[in-house]
């Protein structure tokens, strides 16, 4: 997940990360566990969650 966000080079949406990981992004419920994992990484300082819900690498 971190590599996908880093490779994006800017803010990335959860559905974009899911698409890169091969998750079915058409069904919204499939993305909620991924959103939770990305949020946990943001709380732990690995990622930065922007107010619009996108994620970037913490620098």
N, C-alpha and C. Protein backbone atom coordinates (compact mmCIF):
# COMPACT_ATOMS: atom_id res chain seq x y z
N UNK A 1 0.81 -1.18 0.00
CA UNK A 1 0.00 0.00 0.00
C UNK A 1 0.86 1.25 0.00
N UNK A 2 1.90 1.22 0.80
CA UNK A 2 2.78 2.39 0.86
C UNK A 2 3.46 2.64 -0.49
N UNK A 3 3.84 1.58 -1.15
CA UNK A 3 4.50 1.73 -2.45
C UNK A 3 3.56 2.32 -3.49
N UNK A 4 2.29 1.94 -3.44
CA UNK A 4 1.31 2.48 -4.38
C UNK A 4 1.13 3.97 -4.16
N UNK A 5 1.01 4.39 -2.90
CA UNK A 5 0.83 5.81 -2.58
C UNK A 5 2.09 6.58 -2.98
N UNK A 6 3.25 6.03 -2.71
CA UNK A 6 4.50 6.70 -3.05
C UNK A 6 4.67 6.82 -4.56
N UNK A 7 4.32 5.78 -5.30
CA UNK A 7 4.47 5.79 -6.75
C UNK A 7 3.53 6.81 -7.40
N UNK A 8 2.43 7.14 -6.74
CA UNK A 8 1.48 8.09 -7.31
C UNK A 8 2.09 9.48 -7.42
N UNK A 9 2.99 9.82 -6.54
CA UNK A 9 3.66 11.11 -6.62
C UNK A 9 2.83 12.29 -6.14
N UNK A 10 1.69 12.03 -5.57
CA UNK A 10 0.82 13.09 -5.07
C UNK A 10 -0.35 12.47 -4.34
N UNK A 11 -1.33 13.27 -3.99
CA UNK A 11 -2.49 12.73 -3.29
C UNK A 11 -3.18 11.64 -4.10
N UNK A 12 -3.55 10.57 -3.44
CA UNK A 12 -4.17 9.44 -4.11
C UNK A 12 -5.45 9.06 -3.37
N UNK A 13 -6.48 8.70 -4.13
CA UNK A 13 -7.75 8.29 -3.56
C UNK A 13 -7.70 6.81 -3.21
N UNK A 14 -8.56 6.41 -2.29
CA UNK A 14 -8.59 5.02 -1.85
C UNK A 14 -8.91 4.09 -3.02
N UNK A 15 -9.83 4.50 -3.90
CA UNK A 15 -10.19 3.63 -5.03
C UNK A 15 -9.01 3.43 -5.99
N UNK A 16 -8.13 4.42 -6.10
CA UNK A 16 -6.95 4.27 -6.96
C UNK A 16 -5.97 3.26 -6.36
N UNK A 17 -5.81 3.31 -5.04
CA UNK A 17 -4.95 2.33 -4.37
C UNK A 17 -5.55 0.94 -4.53
N UNK A 18 -6.85 0.84 -4.35
CA UNK A 18 -7.53 -0.44 -4.51
C UNK A 18 -7.39 -1.01 -5.90
N UNK A 19 -7.50 -0.16 -6.90
CA UNK A 19 -7.35 -0.62 -8.29
C UNK A 19 -5.95 -1.17 -8.53
N UNK A 20 -4.94 -0.50 -7.99
CA UNK A 20 -3.57 -0.97 -8.15
C UNK A 20 -3.33 -2.30 -7.43
N UNK A 21 -4.05 -2.51 -6.34
CA UNK A 21 -3.89 -3.75 -5.58
C UNK A 21 -4.78 -4.88 -6.10
N UNK A 22 -5.61 -4.59 -7.10
CA UNK A 22 -6.46 -5.61 -7.69
C UNK A 22 -7.77 -5.83 -6.97
N UNK A 23 -8.20 -4.85 -6.19
CA UNK A 23 -9.47 -4.94 -5.47
C UNK A 23 -10.57 -4.42 -6.38
N UNK A 24 -11.74 -5.06 -6.32
CA UNK A 24 -12.89 -4.65 -7.11
C UNK A 24 -13.40 -3.31 -6.58
N UNK A 25 -13.10 -2.22 -7.29
CA UNK A 25 -13.43 -0.89 -6.81
C UNK A 25 -14.85 -0.46 -7.15
N UNK A 26 -15.57 -1.27 -7.92
CA UNK A 26 -16.94 -0.93 -8.29
C UNK A 26 -17.87 -1.09 -7.09
N UNK A 27 -17.59 -2.06 -6.23
CA UNK A 27 -18.40 -2.31 -5.05
C UNK A 27 -17.83 -1.49 -3.89
N UNK A 28 -18.54 -0.46 -3.41
CA UNK A 28 -18.01 0.42 -2.37
C UNK A 28 -17.60 -0.31 -1.09
N UNK A 29 -18.30 -1.34 -0.71
CA UNK A 29 -17.99 -2.07 0.52
C UNK A 29 -16.62 -2.74 0.48
N UNK A 30 -16.12 -2.99 -0.68
CA UNK A 30 -14.79 -3.62 -0.82
C UNK A 30 -13.67 -2.66 -0.44
N UNK A 31 -13.94 -1.38 -0.52
CA UNK A 31 -12.90 -0.39 -0.25
C UNK A 31 -12.81 0.01 1.21
N UNK A 32 -13.86 -0.25 1.99
CA UNK A 32 -13.87 0.19 3.39
C UNK A 32 -12.73 -0.43 4.22
N UNK A 33 -12.44 -1.73 4.10
CA UNK A 33 -11.29 -2.26 4.84
C UNK A 33 -9.97 -1.60 4.43
N UNK A 34 -9.82 -1.30 3.15
CA UNK A 34 -8.62 -0.63 2.67
C UNK A 34 -8.54 0.80 3.22
N UNK A 35 -9.68 1.50 3.25
CA UNK A 35 -9.72 2.85 3.80
C UNK A 35 -9.30 2.82 5.27
N UNK A 36 -9.75 1.81 6.01
CA UNK A 36 -9.38 1.67 7.41
C UNK A 36 -7.88 1.44 7.59
N UNK A 37 -7.30 0.61 6.73
CA UNK A 37 -5.87 0.33 6.82
C UNK A 37 -5.05 1.58 6.49
N UNK A 38 -5.47 2.31 5.47
CA UNK A 38 -4.76 3.54 5.12
C UNK A 38 -4.89 4.58 6.23
N UNK A 39 -6.06 4.64 6.85
CA UNK A 39 -6.26 5.58 7.96
C UNK A 39 -5.38 5.22 9.15
N UNK A 40 -5.24 3.92 9.43
CA UNK A 40 -4.36 3.48 10.52
C UNK A 40 -2.91 3.86 10.23
N UNK A 41 -2.50 3.73 8.98
CA UNK A 41 -1.14 4.13 8.61
C UNK A 41 -0.96 5.63 8.78
N UNK A 42 -2.02 6.40 8.54
CA UNK A 42 -1.94 7.85 8.74
C UNK A 42 -1.83 8.19 10.23
N UNK A 43 -2.58 7.49 11.06
CA UNK A 43 -2.52 7.72 12.50
C UNK A 43 -1.14 7.39 13.04
N UNK A 44 -0.53 6.35 12.50
CA UNK A 44 0.79 5.91 12.95
C UNK A 44 1.93 6.73 12.36
N UNK A 45 1.61 7.66 11.45
CA UNK A 45 2.63 8.55 10.92
C UNK A 45 3.28 8.11 9.62
N UNK A 46 2.83 7.04 9.04
CA UNK A 46 3.41 6.57 7.78
C UNK A 46 2.84 7.33 6.58
N UNK A 47 1.57 7.70 6.67
CA UNK A 47 0.91 8.44 5.62
C UNK A 47 0.34 9.72 6.19
N UNK A 48 -0.07 10.61 5.30
CA UNK A 48 -0.75 11.84 5.70
C UNK A 48 -2.12 11.83 5.03
N UNK A 49 -3.18 11.94 5.84
CA UNK A 49 -4.54 11.98 5.30
C UNK A 49 -4.96 13.43 5.15
N UNK A 50 -5.30 13.82 3.95
CA UNK A 50 -5.73 15.18 3.66
C UNK A 50 -7.22 15.33 3.97
N UNK A 51 -7.68 16.56 4.19
CA UNK A 51 -9.09 16.78 4.53
C UNK A 51 -10.09 16.27 3.48
N UNK A 52 -9.66 16.18 2.23
CA UNK A 52 -10.57 15.70 1.19
C UNK A 52 -10.60 14.17 1.10
N UNK A 53 -9.91 13.48 2.00
CA UNK A 53 -9.95 12.02 2.04
C UNK A 53 -8.87 11.32 1.25
N UNK A 54 -7.98 12.06 0.62
CA UNK A 54 -6.88 11.45 -0.12
C UNK A 54 -5.69 11.25 0.81
N UNK A 55 -4.75 10.44 0.36
CA UNK A 55 -3.58 10.11 1.17
C UNK A 55 -2.31 10.43 0.40
N UNK A 56 -1.29 10.87 1.14
CA UNK A 56 0.03 11.10 0.58
C UNK A 56 1.07 10.50 1.52
N UNK A 57 2.29 10.36 1.03
CA UNK A 57 3.39 9.88 1.85
C UNK A 57 3.80 11.00 2.79
N UNK A 58 4.03 10.67 4.05
CA UNK A 58 4.48 11.67 5.02
C UNK A 58 5.95 11.96 4.77
N UNK A 59 6.28 13.22 4.67
CA UNK A 59 7.67 13.61 4.41
C UNK A 59 8.22 14.41 5.54
